[in-house]
Amino acid sequence: MENSNLKPFYLKDCSLAVVATGESAYSLAQFREILTRIALSSIYYHFWGERMRPSFVHLEYHNDFARWVHTALHDNVLSERLGIIDPTEFDDLEEVRKLIIELIDERLNEIEFALWARRELKFHFLRSIIIVFDMKIGLQHPSELKAVLPKLPASSIYLHFIDARGRNVQRIDDFSVWLMEYGNEYADLIKKIEYIDPYFLTLTEIKQKLIEVVNECLP
């Protein structure tokens, strides 16, 4: 569908500025108490921020909470329970917060003694501010995605594929929002993008899958 009134897709890049909340925990009980009142922006960061931190190993746990419980409290049972939480399955982060607290309460009822971390391993609650940069690249037509996607930095993928889900009513990525403006013309591509896991895949893996489905669906 050709329509000169359709807006270009302006690509952007981003970085995360990490900010201390001033809250930290030594014990599982203290960790739980802080979770009941910590800002949702902190929960967001501890689930998603890892994707923007340099890492040369495949992480066993996909959120900071599960990782801390495993490494500092040495509680493999709770870390496994926290580690399988997928925030994309919930309507909002308040539901995620509620589930985390429920899992901690369940675990506290199971164990006979308090779990404490060494002082140097206490959990620091952080939050982040996203800083967006204009790449000065405007896509005039979806066909241009084939050439541009391989050149995009991982941080741009984060902004348009992950962060976007909290910025639009549809709770979907920016690529799909733009493609929807063309009616049903790119319905197949949108469907394939929908199947790409935004949480358990790394940004590099997400980018590769985006390239694959775009090459498959676009001439």
Protein backbone atom coordinates (compact mmCIF):
# COMPACT_ATOMS: atom_id res chain seq x y z
CA MET A 1 0.00 0.00 0.00
CA GLU A 2 1.54 3.27 -1.11
CA ASN A 3 0.50 6.30 0.90
CA SER A 4 2.49 9.51 0.80
CA ASN A 5 0.84 10.61 4.05
CA LEU A 6 2.50 7.86 6.09
CA LYS A 7 5.13 9.14 8.48
CA PRO A 8 8.77 7.98 8.26
CA PHE A 9 10.16 5.77 11.01
CA TYR A 10 12.88 7.80 12.74
CA LEU A 11 15.50 5.54 14.27
CA LYS A 12 16.98 6.47 17.60
CA ASP A 13 19.67 5.19 19.96
CA CYS A 14 19.83 5.29 23.74
CA SER A 15 21.86 4.76 26.89
CA LEU A 16 20.84 4.07 30.47
CA ALA A 17 21.95 6.40 33.26
CA VAL A 18 21.96 4.33 36.46
CA VAL A 19 20.83 6.11 39.63
CA ALA A 20 21.16 4.89 43.22
CA THR A 21 17.94 4.76 45.24
CA GLY A 22 19.74 4.77 48.60
CA GLU A 23 18.10 1.47 49.53
CA SER A 24 20.06 -1.73 50.15
CA ALA A 25 19.43 -5.09 51.80
CA TYR A 26 21.51 -7.67 53.66
CA SER A 27 18.81 -10.21 54.44
CA LEU A 28 15.94 -11.78 52.56
CA ALA A 29 13.46 -10.27 55.03
CA GLN A 30 14.95 -6.81 54.56
CA PHE A 31 14.98 -7.34 50.80
CA ARG A 32 11.26 -8.17 50.92
CA GLU A 33 10.41 -5.10 52.99
CA ILE A 34 12.14 -2.74 50.59
CA LEU A 35 10.46 -4.40 47.62
CA THR A 36 7.05 -3.46 48.99
CA ARG A 37 7.80 0.24 48.59
CA ILE A 38 10.60 0.64 46.08
CA ALA A 39 9.77 2.63 42.93
CA LEU A 40 8.61 0.61 39.94
CA SER A 41 11.46 2.15 37.96
CA SER A 42 13.83 0.14 40.16
CA ILE A 43 11.98 -3.12 39.48
CA TYR A 44 12.09 -2.28 35.78
CA TYR A 45 15.85 -1.73 35.91
CA HIS A 46 16.58 -4.95 37.76
CA PHE A 47 14.62 -6.94 35.18
CA TRP A 48 15.72 -5.17 32.01
CA GLY A 49 18.90 -3.21 32.76
CA GLU A 50 21.19 -6.20 32.40
CA ARG A 51 20.63 -6.12 28.64
CA MET A 52 22.42 -2.78 28.45
CA ARG A 53 25.35 -3.85 30.63
CA PRO A 54 28.43 -5.32 28.92
CA SER A 55 28.66 -9.07 29.48
CA PHE A 56 30.86 -11.74 27.95
CA VAL A 57 29.07 -14.74 29.42
CA HIS A 58 25.57 -16.14 29.08
CA LEU A 59 23.88 -15.32 32.35
CA GLU A 60 22.09 -18.13 34.14
CA TYR A 61 19.52 -15.77 35.64
CA HIS A 62 17.77 -13.06 33.67
CA ASN A 63 17.01 -10.64 36.50
CA ASP A 64 19.17 -9.11 39.22
CA PHE A 65 16.91 -10.32 42.04
CA ALA A 66 17.34 -14.00 41.19
CA ARG A 67 21.06 -13.50 40.61
CA TRP A 68 21.57 -11.91 44.04
CA VAL A 69 19.57 -14.59 45.85
CA HIS A 70 21.75 -17.21 44.15
CA THR A 71 25.17 -15.60 44.59
CA ALA A 72 24.77 -13.76 47.92
CA LEU A 73 22.16 -15.77 49.82
CA HIS A 74 23.02 -19.13 48.20
CA ASP A 75 19.35 -20.05 47.98
CA ASN A 76 19.02 -22.01 44.76
CA VAL A 77 15.36 -22.80 45.35
CA LEU A 78 14.23 -19.18 45.51
CA SER A 79 16.63 -18.04 42.79
CA GLU A 80 15.13 -20.60 40.41
CA ARG A 81 11.61 -19.41 41.24
CA LEU A 82 12.55 -15.78 40.71
CA GLY A 83 14.58 -16.59 37.63
CA ILE A 84 11.66 -17.90 35.60
CA ILE A 85 9.55 -14.75 36.03
CA ASP A 86 8.84 -13.23 32.62
CA PRO A 87 7.73 -9.59 33.08
CA THR A 88 6.18 -9.54 29.60
CA GLU A 89 3.47 -11.91 30.83
CA PHE A 90 2.08 -9.29 33.23
CA ASP A 91 -0.05 -6.22 32.57
CA ASP A 92 2.18 -4.01 34.70
CA LEU A 93 5.14 -4.03 37.07
CA GLU A 94 2.91 -3.87 40.14
CA GLU A 95 1.82 -7.42 39.29
CA VAL A 96 5.47 -8.42 38.99
CA ARG A 97 6.20 -6.85 42.37
CA LYS A 98 3.29 -8.75 43.92
CA LEU A 99 4.51 -12.08 42.56
CA ILE A 100 8.08 -11.53 43.78
CA ILE A 101 6.82 -10.77 47.29
CA GLU A 102 4.56 -13.84 47.21
CA LEU A 103 7.49 -16.05 46.21
CA ILE A 104 9.65 -14.60 48.98
CA ASP A 105 6.90 -15.09 51.56
CA GLU A 106 6.48 -18.67 50.42
CA ARG A 107 10.21 -19.26 50.80
CA LEU A 108 10.39 -17.57 54.22
CA ASN A 109 7.71 -20.00 55.42
CA GLU A 110 9.74 -22.94 54.14
CA ILE A 111 13.14 -22.15 55.70
CA GLU A 112 14.03 -22.41 59.38
CA PHE A 113 16.62 -19.66 59.59
CA ALA A 114 17.13 -16.18 58.22
CA LEU A 115 19.17 -15.76 55.06
CA TRP A 116 21.84 -13.07 55.21
CA ALA A 117 24.43 -11.86 52.73
CA ARG A 118 27.94 -10.79 53.61
CA ARG A 119 28.25 -7.02 53.96
CA GLU A 120 30.11 -6.65 50.68
CA LEU A 121 27.39 -8.61 48.86
CA LYS A 122 24.35 -6.66 49.99
CA PHE A 123 21.78 -5.86 47.30
CA HIS A 124 21.73 -2.27 46.11
CA PHE A 125 18.42 -1.16 44.64
CA LEU A 126 19.05 0.94 41.55
CA ARG A 127 16.92 2.63 38.95
CA SER A 128 17.71 4.05 35.55
CA ILE A 129 16.91 7.00 33.34
CA ILE A 130 16.87 6.37 29.61
CA ILE A 131 18.66 8.95 27.48
CA VAL A 132 17.57 8.98 23.83
CA PHE A 133 19.71 10.11 20.90
CA ASP A 134 18.52 11.00 17.41
CA MET A 135 20.36 8.91 14.80
CA LYS A 136 19.14 11.20 12.00
CA ILE A 137 17.90 8.19 10.04
CA GLY A 138 14.34 8.24 8.78
CA LEU A 139 12.98 5.15 7.03
CA GLN A 140 10.55 6.07 4.29
CA HIS A 141 9.39 2.52 3.56
CA PRO A 142 9.54 -0.88 5.36
CA SER A 143 11.73 -2.29 2.59
CA GLU A 144 14.57 -0.13 3.95
CA LEU A 145 14.65 -2.26 7.12
CA LYS A 146 16.65 -4.93 5.27
CA ALA A 147 19.62 -2.64 4.79
CA VAL A 148 19.39 -0.75 8.08
CA LEU A 149 18.76 -3.48 10.70
CA PRO A 150 22.24 -5.12 10.43
CA LYS A 151 23.83 -1.73 11.13
CA LEU A 152 21.81 -0.85 14.23
CA PRO A 153 23.62 -0.93 17.59
CA ALA A 154 22.20 -3.18 20.30
CA SER A 155 21.14 -0.11 22.28
CA SER A 156 18.87 0.96 19.43
CA ILE A 157 17.29 -2.51 19.41
CA TYR A 158 16.72 -2.11 23.15
CA LEU A 159 14.96 1.22 22.66
CA HIS A 160 12.74 0.20 19.76
CA PHE A 161 12.03 -3.42 20.66
CA ILE A 162 12.01 -3.51 24.48
CA ASP A 163 11.57 -0.04 25.94
CA ALA A 164 8.89 0.73 23.37
CA ARG A 165 6.50 -1.74 25.03
CA GLY A 166 6.02 0.66 27.91
CA ARG A 167 5.49 3.66 25.65
CA ASN A 168 2.53 2.72 23.47
CA VAL A 169 -1.02 1.58 24.08
CA GLN A 170 -0.54 -1.67 22.15
CA ARG A 171 2.40 -2.67 24.38
CA ILE A 172 4.38 -3.75 21.34
CA ASP A 173 7.65 -2.76 19.66
CA ASP A 174 8.14 0.37 17.57
CA PHE A 175 8.76 -1.60 14.37
CA SER A 176 5.35 -3.26 14.57
CA VAL A 177 3.59 0.01 15.43
CA TRP A 178 5.04 1.56 12.27
CA LEU A 179 4.23 -1.44 10.08
CA MET A 180 0.62 -1.37 11.28
CA GLU A 181 0.20 2.00 9.59
CA TYR A 182 0.31 0.11 6.27
CA GLY A 183 -2.85 -1.81 7.08
CA ASN A 184 -2.64 -5.57 6.47
CA GLU A 185 0.20 -5.32 3.97
CA TYR A 186 2.81 -6.42 6.52
CA ALA A 187 0.59 -8.54 8.78
CA ASP A 188 2.78 -11.61 8.26
CA LEU A 189 5.94 -9.74 9.24
CA ILE A 190 4.24 -8.23 12.29
CA LYS A 191 3.13 -11.72 13.37
CA LYS A 192 6.66 -13.09 13.05
CA ILE A 193 8.09 -10.14 15.03
CA GLU A 194 5.51 -10.83 17.73
CA TYR A 195 6.97 -14.32 18.24
CA ILE A 196 10.45 -12.96 19.02
CA ASP A 197 11.02 -13.24 22.77
CA PRO A 198 11.94 -9.80 24.17
CA TYR A 199 13.00 -11.09 27.58
CA PHE A 200 14.88 -14.39 27.47
CA LEU A 201 16.88 -13.53 24.35
CA THR A 202 19.91 -11.25 24.37
CA LEU A 203 19.85 -8.05 22.31
CA THR A 204 22.20 -9.69 19.81
CA GLU A 205 19.83 -12.65 19.45
CA ILE A 206 16.82 -10.35 19.10
CA LYS A 207 18.59 -8.35 16.40
CA GLN A 208 19.48 -11.51 14.48
CA LYS A 209 15.93 -12.80 14.60
CA LEU A 210 14.62 -9.42 13.42
CA ILE A 211 17.01 -9.57 10.47
CA GLU A 212 15.88 -13.12 9.66
CA VAL A 213 12.13 -12.37 9.67
CA VAL A 214 12.57 -9.12 7.72
CA ASN A 215 14.64 -10.90 5.06
CA GLU A 216 12.05 -13.67 4.94
CA CYS A 217 9.01 -11.41 4.59
CA LEU A 218 10.27 -8.47 2.55
CA PRO A 219 11.28 -8.69 -1.12
